[in-house]
Amino acid sequence: MKTSTKIAMIFFFILLASGHSIEGYHLRNTAIENNRVQVSLKKNENAVVLFYKDDCSDCKAIFDRVMSEKERL
């Protein structure tokens, strides 16, 4: 097999693999966006919004404090 043919085949497979990676990334992000919860606040309503992620150590660190403050109000 010619060297140019080998190079072309390698380039093709690299493009194919990167295309699958990009498609998987897009599907994952689409699934995440479709699972979002929409919250509506009334006009002139005071609210505290807490952004929380289960695998975030900082979120876990402040969660109990925030919830105890919420109960106090």
PDB file of N, CA and C in Angstrom:
ATOM      1  N   MET A   1       0.844  -1.168   0.000  1.00  0.00           N
ATOM      2  CA  MET A   1       0.000   0.000   0.000  1.00  0.00           C
ATOM      3  C   MET A   1       0.897   1.242   0.000  1.00  0.00           C
ATOM      4  N   LYS A   2       0.480   2.251  -0.728  1.00  0.00           N
ATOM      5  CA  LYS A   2       1.261   3.475  -0.827  1.00  0.00           C
ATOM      6  C   LYS A   2       1.212   4.246   0.488  1.00  0.00           C
ATOM      7  N   THR A   3       2.228   5.014   0.711  1.00  0.00           N
ATOM      8  CA  THR A   3       2.310   5.830   1.919  1.00  0.00           C
ATOM      9  C   THR A   3       1.182   6.857   1.955  1.00  0.00           C
ATOM     10  N   SER A   4       0.877   7.444   0.805  1.00  0.00           N
ATOM     11  CA  SER A   4      -0.197   8.449   0.776  1.00  0.00           C
ATOM     12  C   SER A   4      -1.549   7.820   1.116  1.00  0.00           C
ATOM     13  N   THR A   5      -1.764   6.569   0.714  1.00  0.00           N
ATOM     14  CA  THR A   5      -3.008   5.872   1.035  1.00  0.00           C
ATOM     15  C   THR A   5      -3.082   5.603   2.535  1.00  0.00           C
ATOM     16  N   LYS A   6      -1.977   5.206   3.129  1.00  0.00           N
ATOM     17  CA  LYS A   6      -1.929   4.953   4.572  1.00  0.00           C
ATOM     18  C   LYS A   6      -2.219   6.236   5.348  1.00  0.00           C
ATOM     19  N   ILE A   7      -1.626   7.332   4.913  1.00  0.00           N
ATOM     20  CA  ILE A   7      -1.840   8.615   5.582  1.00  0.00           C
ATOM     21  C   ILE A   7      -3.302   9.036   5.458  1.00  0.00           C
ATOM     22  N   ALA A   8      -3.879   8.852   4.279  1.00  0.00           N
ATOM     23  CA  ALA A   8      -5.279   9.202   4.066  1.00  0.00           C
ATOM     24  C   ALA A   8      -6.191   8.362   4.951  1.00  0.00           C
ATOM     25  N   MET A   9      -5.891   7.069   5.092  1.00  0.00           N
ATOM     26  CA  MET A   9      -6.714   6.197   5.935  1.00  0.00           C
ATOM     27  C   MET A   9      -6.618   6.606   7.411  1.00  0.00           C
ATOM     28  N   ILE A  10      -5.418   6.923   7.857  1.00  0.00           N
ATOM     29  CA  ILE A  10      -5.221   7.348   9.249  1.00  0.00           C
ATOM     30  C   ILE A  10      -5.991   8.646   9.497  1.00  0.00           C
ATOM     31  N   PHE A  11      -5.889   9.592   8.585  1.00  0.00           N
ATOM     32  CA  PHE A  11      -6.598  10.863   8.707  1.00  0.00           C
ATOM     33  C   PHE A  11      -8.110  10.633   8.744  1.00  0.00           C
ATOM     34  N   PHE A  12      -8.617   9.740   7.901  1.00  0.00           N
ATOM     35  CA  PHE A  12     -10.036   9.431   7.872  1.00  0.00           C
ATOM     36  C   PHE A  12     -10.509   8.860   9.209  1.00  0.00           C
ATOM     37  N   PHE A  13      -9.746   7.923   9.768  1.00  0.00           N
ATOM     38  CA  PHE A  13     -10.150   7.320  11.037  1.00  0.00           C
ATOM     39  C   PHE A  13     -10.067   8.305  12.193  1.00  0.00           C
ATOM     40  N   ILE A  14      -9.116   9.231  12.134  1.00  0.00           N
ATOM     41  CA  ILE A  14      -9.039  10.272  13.165  1.00  0.00           C
ATOM     42  C   ILE A  14     -10.266  11.172  13.077  1.00  0.00           C
ATOM     43  N   LEU A  15     -10.644  11.567  11.865  1.00  0.00           N
ATOM     44  CA  LEU A  15     -11.849  12.383  11.691  1.00  0.00           C
ATOM     45  C   LEU A  15     -13.100  11.647  12.150  1.00  0.00           C
ATOM     46  N   LEU A  16     -13.183  10.373  11.842  1.00  0.00           N
ATOM     47  CA  LEU A  16     -14.331   9.569  12.243  1.00  0.00           C
ATOM     48  C   LEU A  16     -14.436   9.495  13.772  1.00  0.00           C
ATOM     49  N   ALA A  17     -13.307   9.235  14.420  1.00  0.00           N
ATOM     50  CA  ALA A  17     -13.300   9.137  15.884  1.00  0.00           C
ATOM     51  C   ALA A  17     -13.650  10.470  16.529  1.00  0.00           C
ATOM     52  N   SER A  18     -13.117  11.571  16.006  1.00  0.00           N
ATOM     53  CA  SER A  18     -13.417  12.871  16.606  1.00  0.00           C
ATOM     54  C   SER A  18     -14.879  13.247  16.365  1.00  0.00           C
ATOM     55  N   GLY A  19     -15.437  12.850  15.246  1.00  0.00           N
ATOM     56  CA  GLY A  19     -16.853  13.113  14.977  1.00  0.00           C
ATOM     57  C   GLY A  19     -17.750  12.402  15.964  1.00  0.00           C
ATOM     58  N   HIS A  20     -17.400  11.164  16.300  1.00  0.00           N
ATOM     59  CA  HIS A  20     -18.191  10.422  17.293  1.00  0.00           C
ATOM     60  C   HIS A  20     -18.062  11.055  18.671  1.00  0.00           C
ATOM     61  N   SER A  21     -16.880  11.565  18.990  1.00  0.00           N
ATOM     62  CA  SER A  21     -16.687  12.225  20.283  1.00  0.00           C
ATOM     63  C   SER A  21     -17.533  13.476  20.391  1.00  0.00           C
ATOM     64  N   ILE A  22     -17.538  14.263  19.336  1.00  0.00           N
ATOM     65  CA  ILE A  22     -18.315  15.502  19.337  1.00  0.00           C
ATOM     66  C   ILE A  22     -19.806  15.190  19.431  1.00  0.00           C
ATOM     67  N   GLU A  23     -20.263  14.170  18.715  1.00  0.00           N
ATOM     68  CA  GLU A  23     -21.682  13.797  18.750  1.00  0.00           C
ATOM     69  C   GLU A  23     -22.078  13.324  20.147  1.00  0.00           C
ATOM     70  N   GLY A  24     -21.226  12.550  20.792  1.00  0.00           N
ATOM     71  CA  GLY A  24     -21.511  12.095  22.153  1.00  0.00           C
ATOM     72  C   GLY A  24     -21.583  13.252  23.127  1.00  0.00           C
ATOM     73  N   TYR A  25     -20.695  14.207  22.975  1.00  0.00           N
ATOM     74  CA  TYR A  25     -20.700  15.405  23.821  1.00  0.00           C
ATOM     75  C   TYR A  25     -21.997  16.175  23.623  1.00  0.00           C
ATOM     76  N   HIS A  26     -22.417  16.336  22.387  1.00  0.00           N
ATOM     77  CA  HIS A  26     -23.651  17.056  22.084  1.00  0.00           C
ATOM     78  C   HIS A  26     -24.874  16.342  22.674  1.00  0.00           C
ATOM     79  N   LEU A  27     -24.934  15.026  22.545  1.00  0.00           N
ATOM     80  CA  LEU A  27     -26.064  14.267  23.089  1.00  0.00           C
ATOM     81  C   LEU A  27     -26.129  14.383  24.602  1.00  0.00           C
ATOM     82  N   ARG A  28     -24.975  14.350  25.260  1.00  0.00           N
ATOM     83  CA  ARG A  28     -24.926  14.470  26.716  1.00  0.00           C
ATOM     84  C   ARG A  28     -25.448  15.839  27.151  1.00  0.00           C
ATOM     85  N   ASN A  29     -24.982  16.902  26.496  1.00  0.00           N
ATOM     86  CA  ASN A  29     -25.426  18.251  26.854  1.00  0.00           C
ATOM     87  C   ASN A  29     -26.907  18.449  26.573  1.00  0.00           C
ATOM     88  N   THR A  30     -27.407  17.863  25.507  1.00  0.00           N
ATOM     89  CA  THR A  30     -28.831  17.966  25.192  1.00  0.00           C
ATOM     90  C   THR A  30     -29.657  17.281  26.272  1.00  0.00           C
ATOM     91  N   ALA A  31     -29.216  16.127  26.726  1.00  0.00           N
ATOM     92  CA  ALA A  31     -29.936  15.404  27.784  1.00  0.00           C
ATOM     93  C   ALA A  31     -29.944  16.205  29.079  1.00  0.00           C
ATOM     94  N   ILE A  32     -28.838  16.848  29.388  1.00  0.00           N
ATOM     95  CA  ILE A  32     -28.764  17.656  30.608  1.00  0.00           C
ATOM     96  C   ILE A  32     -29.716  18.846  30.507  1.00  0.00           C
ATOM     97  N   GLU A  33     -29.719  19.513  29.368  1.00  0.00           N
ATOM     98  CA  GLU A  33     -30.596  20.674  29.206  1.00  0.00           C
ATOM     99  C   GLU A  33     -32.069  20.278  29.243  1.00  0.00           C
ATOM    100  N   ASN A  34     -32.411  19.112  28.757  1.00  0.00           N
ATOM    101  CA  ASN A  34     -33.804  18.672  28.770  1.00  0.00           C
ATOM    102  C   ASN A  34     -34.279  18.298  30.165  1.00  0.00           C
ATOM    103  N   ASN A  35     -33.363  18.073  31.092  1.00  0.00           N
ATOM    104  CA  ASN A  35     -33.731  17.687  32.455  1.00  0.00           C
ATOM    105  C   ASN A  35     -33.728  18.862  33.426  1.00  0.00           C
ATOM    106  N   ARG A  36     -33.561  20.056  32.926  1.00  0.00           N
ATOM    107  CA  ARG A  36     -33.539  21.225  33.802  1.00  0.00           C
ATOM    108  C   ARG A  36     -34.946  21.547  34.296  1.00  0.00           C
ATOM    109  N   VAL A  37     -35.001  22.089  35.498  1.00  0.00           N
ATOM    110  CA  VAL A  37     -36.264  22.481  36.096  1.00  0.00           C
ATOM    111  C   VAL A  37     -36.393  23.995  35.961  1.00  0.00           C
ATOM    112  N   GLN A  38     -37.503  24.442  35.438  1.00  0.00           N
ATOM    113  CA  GLN A  38     -37.731  25.868  35.297  1.00  0.00           C
ATOM    114  C   GLN A  38     -38.508  26.369  36.505  1.00  0.00           C
ATOM    115  N   VAL A  39     -38.011  27.426  37.104  1.00  0.00           N
ATOM    116  CA  VAL A  39     -38.644  28.007  38.285  1.00  0.00           C
ATOM    117  C   VAL A  39     -39.049  29.430  37.941  1.00  0.00           C
ATOM    118  N   SER A  40     -40.274  29.778  38.258  1.00  0.00           N
ATOM    119  CA  SER A  40     -40.769  31.138  38.029  1.00  0.00           C
ATOM    120  C   SER A  40     -41.041  31.804  39.369  1.00  0.00           C
ATOM    121  N   LEU A  41     -40.593  33.038  39.494  1.00  0.00           N
ATOM    122  CA  LEU A  41     -40.838  33.803  40.710  1.00  0.00           C
ATOM    123  C   LEU A  41     -41.889  34.864  40.424  1.00  0.00           C
ATOM    124  N   LYS A  42     -42.719  35.124  41.412  1.00  0.00           N
ATOM    125  CA  LYS A  42     -43.722  36.175  41.269  1.00  0.00           C
ATOM    126  C   LYS A  42     -43.035  37.532  41.330  1.00  0.00           C
ATOM    127  N   LYS A  43     -43.647  38.526  40.714  1.00  0.00           N
ATOM    128  CA  LYS A  43     -43.089  39.875  40.770  1.00  0.00           C
ATOM    129  C   LYS A  43     -43.013  40.349  42.205  1.00  0.00           C
ATOM    130  N   ASN A  44     -41.940  41.045  42.515  1.00  0.00           N
ATOM    131  CA  ASN A  44     -41.703  41.620  43.844  1.00  0.00           C
ATOM    132  C   ASN A  44     -41.642  40.569  44.946  1.00  0.00           C
ATOM    133  N   GLU A  45     -41.365  39.336  44.592  1.00  0.00           N
ATOM    134  CA  GLU A  45     -41.236  38.269  45.593  1.00  0.00           C
ATOM    135  C   GLU A  45     -39.767  38.145  45.979  1.00  0.00           C
ATOM    136  N   ASN A  46     -39.497  38.198  47.273  1.00  0.00           N
ATOM    137  CA  ASN A  46     -38.126  37.997  47.738  1.00  0.00           C
ATOM    138  C   ASN A  46     -37.817  36.514  47.701  1.00  0.00           C
ATOM    139  N   ALA A  47     -36.659  36.174  47.192  1.00  0.00           N
ATOM    140  CA  ALA A  47     -36.296  34.761  47.092  1.00  0.00           C
ATOM    141  C   ALA A  47     -34.791  34.607  47.175  1.00  0.00           C
ATOM    142  N   VAL A  48     -34.395  33.464  47.652  1.00  0.00           N
ATOM    143  CA  VAL A  48     -32.991  33.071  47.639  1.00  0.00           C
ATOM    144  C   VAL A  48     -32.892  31.866  46.732  1.00  0.00           C
ATOM    145  N   VAL A  49     -31.994  31.942  45.785  1.00  0.00           N
ATOM    146  CA  VAL A  49     -31.824  30.847  44.839  1.00  0.00           C
ATOM    147  C   VAL A  49     -30.510  30.153  45.158  1.00  0.00           C
ATOM    148  N   LEU A  50     -30.575  28.857  45.378  1.00  0.00           N
ATOM    149  CA  LEU A  50     -29.395  28.063  45.691  1.00  0.00           C
ATOM    150  C   LEU A  50     -29.134  27.115  44.531  1.00  0.00           C
ATOM    151  N   PHE A  51     -27.984  27.260  43.920  1.00  0.00           N
ATOM    152  CA  PHE A  51     -27.574  26.350  42.861  1.00  0.00           C
ATOM    153  C   PHE A  51     -26.788  25.231  43.524  1.00  0.00           C
ATOM    154  N   TYR A  52     -27.235  24.010  43.331  1.00  0.00           N
ATOM    155  CA  TYR A  52     -26.657  22.864  44.032  1.00  0.00           C
ATOM    156  C   TYR A  52     -26.385  21.736  43.050  1.00  0.00           C
ATOM    157  N   LYS A  53     -25.237  21.105  43.222  1.00  0.00           N
ATOM    158  CA  LYS A  53     -24.879  19.947  42.408  1.00  0.00           C
ATOM    159  C   LYS A  53     -24.413  18.855  43.359  1.00  0.00           C
ATOM    160  N   ASP A  54     -24.926  17.652  43.176  1.00  0.00           N
ATOM    161  CA  ASP A  54     -24.649  16.553  44.112  1.00  0.00           C
ATOM    162  C   ASP A  54     -23.178  16.240  44.309  1.00  0.00           C
ATOM    163  N   ASP A  55     -22.380  16.384  43.261  1.00  0.00           N
ATOM    164  CA  ASP A  55     -20.970  16.014  43.391  1.00  0.00           C
ATOM    165  C   ASP A  55     -20.055  17.219  43.625  1.00  0.00           C
ATOM    166  N   CYS A  56     -20.632  18.328  44.087  1.00  0.00           N
ATOM    167  CA  CYS A  56     -19.861  19.547  44.373  1.00  0.00           C
ATOM    168  C   CYS A  56     -19.572  19.611  45.873  1.00  0.00           C
ATOM    169  N   SER A  57     -18.306  19.568  46.254  1.00  0.00           N
ATOM    170  CA  SER A  57     -17.961  19.575  47.682  1.00  0.00           C
ATOM    171  C   SER A  57     -18.316  20.906  48.345  1.00  0.00           C
ATOM    172  N   ASP A  58     -18.187  22.014  47.632  1.00  0.00           N
ATOM    173  CA  ASP A  58     -18.554  23.308  48.197  1.00  0.00           C
ATOM    174  C   ASP A  58     -20.060  23.400  48.431  1.00  0.00           C
ATOM    175  N   CYS A  59     -20.842  22.849  47.507  1.00  0.00           N
ATOM    176  CA  CYS A  59     -22.306  22.843  47.676  1.00  0.00           C
ATOM    177  C   CYS A  59     -22.689  22.057  48.926  1.00  0.00           C
ATOM    178  N   LYS A  60     -22.075  20.906  49.089  1.00  0.00           N
ATOM    179  CA  LYS A  60     -22.374  20.077  50.259  1.00  0.00           C
ATOM    180  C   LYS A  60     -21.963  20.778  51.547  1.00  0.00           C
ATOM    181  N   ALA A  61     -20.851  21.526  51.489  1.00  0.00           N
ATOM    182  CA  ALA A  61     -20.336  22.189  52.683  1.00  0.00           C
ATOM    183  C   ALA A  61     -21.287  23.269  53.194  1.00  0.00           C
ATOM    184  N   ILE A  62     -21.978  23.966  52.310  1.00  0.00           N
ATOM    185  CA  ILE A  62     -22.853  25.058  52.751  1.00  0.00           C
ATOM    186  C   ILE A  62     -24.327  24.668  52.843  1.00  0.00           C
ATOM    187  N   PHE A  63     -24.679  23.492  52.369  1.00  0.00           N
ATOM    188  CA  PHE A  63     -26.089  23.115  52.277  1.00  0.00           C
ATOM    189  C   PHE A  63     -26.796  23.144  53.634  1.00  0.00           C
ATOM    190  N   ASP A  64     -26.217  22.513  54.639  1.00  0.00           N
ATOM    191  CA  ASP A  64     -26.863  22.454  55.961  1.00  0.00           C
ATOM    192  C   ASP A  64     -27.062  23.850  56.544  1.00  0.00           C
ATOM    193  N   ARG A  65     -26.074  24.706  56.371  1.00  0.00           N
ATOM    194  CA  ARG A  65     -26.182  26.068  56.890  1.00  0.00           C
ATOM    195  C   ARG A  65     -27.300  26.844  56.191  1.00  0.00           C
ATOM    196  N   VAL A  66     -27.363  26.709  54.889  1.00  0.00           N
ATOM    197  CA  VAL A  66     -28.398  27.403  54.123  1.00  0.00           C
ATOM    198  C   VAL A  66     -29.779  26.902  54.530  1.00  0.00           C
ATOM    199  N   MET A  67     -29.935  25.612  54.678  1.00  0.00           N
ATOM    200  CA  MET A  67     -31.241  25.063  55.054  1.00  0.00           C
ATOM    201  C   MET A  67     -31.650  25.477  56.469  1.00  0.00           C
ATOM    202  N   SER A  68     -30.688  25.548  57.381  1.00  0.00           N
ATOM    203  CA  SER A  68     -31.028  25.986  58.747  1.00  0.00           C
ATOM    204  C   SER A  68     -31.423  27.462  58.749  1.00  0.00           C
ATOM    205  N   GLU A  69     -30.775  28.271  57.928  1.00  0.00           N
ATOM    206  CA  GLU A  69     -31.159  29.689  57.787  1.00  0.00           C
ATOM    207  C   GLU A  69     -32.561  29.800  57.204  1.00  0.00           C
ATOM    208  N   LYS A  70     -32.875  28.954  56.257  1.00  0.00           N
ATOM    209  CA  LYS A  70     -34.204  28.971  55.635  1.00  0.00           C
ATOM    210  C   LYS A  70     -35.279  28.661  56.686  1.00  0.00           C
ATOM    211  N   GLU A  71     -35.026  27.672  57.537  1.00  0.00           N
ATOM    212  CA  GLU A  71     -35.988  27.293  58.567  1.00  0.00           C
ATOM    213  C   GLU A  71     -36.163  28.409  59.593  1.00  0.00           C
ATOM    214  N   ARG A  72     -35.104  29.145  59.832  1.00  0.00           N
ATOM    215  CA  ARG A  72     -35.131  30.220  60.822  1.00  0.00           C
ATOM    216  C   ARG A  72     -35.975  31.398  60.345  1.00  0.00           C
ATOM    217  N   LEU A  73     -36.028  31.607  59.037  1.00  0.00           N
ATOM    218  CA  LEU A  73     -36.783  32.734  58.492  1.00  0.00           C
ATOM    219  C   LEU A  73     -38.206  32.386  58.425  1.00  0.00           C
TER     220      LEU A  73
END
